[in-house]
Protein backbone atom coordinates (compact mmCIF):
# COMPACT_ATOMS: atom_id res chain seq x y z
CA MET A 1 -0.10 0.20 0.43
CA ALA A 2 2.72 2.18 0.75
CA VAL A 3 4.77 1.94 -2.51
CA GLU A 4 1.41 2.15 -4.57
CA VAL A 5 1.48 5.82 -2.71
CA ILE A 6 4.94 6.48 -3.14
CA SER A 7 4.48 5.55 -6.04
CA TRP A 8 1.28 7.77 -7.78
CA LEU A 9 2.75 10.52 -5.40
CA PHE A 10 6.12 10.72 -8.30
CA VAL A 11 3.82 10.32 -11.08
CA GLY A 12 1.60 13.08 -10.02
CA ILE A 13 4.84 15.13 -9.51
CA GLY A 14 6.39 14.11 -12.79
CA SER A 15 2.85 15.15 -14.53
CA LEU A 16 2.45 18.49 -12.84
CA PHE A 17 5.98 19.11 -13.85
CA LEU A 18 5.43 18.28 -17.36
CA LEU A 19 1.97 20.37 -17.27
CA ILE A 20 4.28 23.47 -15.67
CA GLY A 21 6.70 22.36 -19.04
CA ALA A 22 3.37 22.23 -21.94
CA ILE A 23 2.44 25.39 -20.40
CA GLY A 24 5.63 27.45 -21.00
CA LEU A 25 5.97 26.21 -24.85
CA LEU A 26 2.33 27.96 -25.09
CA ARG A 27 3.38 31.18 -22.69
CA LEU A 28 7.37 32.18 -23.26
CA GLY A 29 8.16 34.46 -27.01
CA ASP A 30 11.08 33.06 -28.29
CA ILE A 31 11.85 29.98 -29.47
CA PHE A 32 14.83 30.00 -27.67
CA ALA A 33 12.63 30.69 -24.08
CA ARG A 34 10.87 27.45 -25.22
CA ILE A 35 13.49 25.23 -25.66
CA HIS A 36 15.06 25.92 -21.97
CA ALA A 37 11.45 25.77 -20.75
CA ALA A 38 10.87 21.96 -22.52
CA GLY A 39 14.41 21.08 -22.57
CA LEU A 40 15.03 21.27 -18.50
CA ILE A 41 11.07 20.72 -17.23
CA ASP A 42 10.73 17.90 -19.42
CA THR A 43 13.39 15.72 -18.60
CA MET A 44 12.44 16.61 -14.50
CA GLY A 45 9.15 15.50 -14.89
CA LEU A 46 10.40 12.11 -17.00
CA GLY A 47 12.94 11.06 -14.37
CA PHE A 48 9.31 11.75 -11.84
CA LEU A 49 6.93 9.64 -14.36
CA ILE A 50 9.63 6.52 -14.45
CA LEU A 51 10.78 6.71 -10.89
CA GLY A 52 6.56 6.36 -9.89
CA MET A 53 6.89 3.39 -12.50
CA CYS A 54 10.15 1.38 -11.17
CA PHE A 55 8.26 2.19 -8.16
CA TYR A 56 5.00 0.93 -8.87
CA SER A 57 6.14 -1.99 -10.85
CA GLY A 58 8.91 -3.29 -8.48
CA PHE A 59 11.73 -5.14 -8.62
CA THR A 60 11.52 -6.62 -11.88
CA LEU A 61 12.62 -6.65 -15.77
CA VAL A 62 10.49 -3.98 -16.38
CA THR A 63 12.17 -1.75 -13.80
CA ALA A 64 15.77 -2.38 -15.72
CA LYS A 65 13.90 -1.33 -19.07
CA LEU A 66 12.34 1.74 -17.31
CA ILE A 67 15.85 3.06 -16.19
CA ILE A 68 17.56 2.17 -19.51
CA ILE A 69 15.25 4.16 -20.91
CA GLY A 70 15.42 6.81 -19.10
CA ILE A 71 18.85 6.43 -18.50
CA PHE A 72 18.62 7.13 -22.61
CA MET A 73 16.11 10.23 -22.00
CA PHE A 74 18.51 12.27 -19.65
CA PHE A 75 21.09 12.13 -22.12
CA ALA A 76 18.76 12.69 -25.65
CA SER A 77 17.25 15.75 -24.44
CA PRO A 78 19.12 17.95 -23.68
CA VAL A 79 21.21 17.44 -26.97
CA SER A 80 17.91 17.35 -29.22
CA THR A 81 17.55 20.87 -27.49
CA HIS A 82 21.02 21.79 -28.07
CA ALA A 83 20.92 20.35 -31.55
CA LEU A 84 17.06 22.20 -32.23
CA SER A 85 18.34 26.18 -31.00
CA LYS A 86 21.76 25.47 -32.42
CA ALA A 87 19.40 25.21 -36.18
CA ALA A 88 17.60 28.12 -35.01
CA LEU A 89 21.19 30.40 -34.93
CA ASP A 90 22.06 28.92 -37.98
CA GLY A 91 18.80 29.56 -39.91
CA ASN A 92 19.42 33.34 -38.74
CA ILE A 93 16.90 32.84 -35.78
CA LYS A 94 17.90 35.53 -33.26
CA PRO A 95 17.15 35.30 -29.43
CA GLU A 96 14.57 38.16 -28.21
CA VAL A 97 16.59 40.12 -26.05
CA ASP A 98 16.53 43.42 -24.86
CA GLU A 99 20.68 44.36 -25.40
CA ASP A 100 23.30 42.01 -26.47
CA GLN A 101 25.33 41.82 -23.65
CA ARG A 102 27.94 40.33 -24.64
CA PRO A 103 31.95 41.71 -24.59
CA ASP A 104 32.75 41.61 -27.87
CA LYS A 105 30.26 42.06 -30.99
CA ARG A 106 30.57 38.71 -32.31
CA ARG A 107 27.66 38.13 -34.63
CA LEU A 108 24.77 35.31 -33.33
CA GLY A 109 25.52 32.11 -35.24
CA ALA A 110 27.93 29.45 -36.22
CA GLU A 111 30.47 31.27 -37.21
CA GLU A 112 32.89 31.93 -35.05
């Protein structure tokens, strides 16, 4: 009984994080802010969901598979958000900022 309560608590926390990430995707302005919201919050939400499912399934082969999926997503989500932001910069999409605060006035993009 206690394991099921802990499991559903983690699933609920993970769902809350995913809901906050979805609201961030809708409310934030430019693509870079949206990528930031989705990349960080969704990784945390997925971690809590997988942790809750691991508690619910017990010590079985399903738990091992869930851990492997969690490890893969832990590395794949930041890599994909980095690739999306790099592609946006290469496509000449500039971040919406009030002023350029970089000390050297380099141009945004892939050329360095």
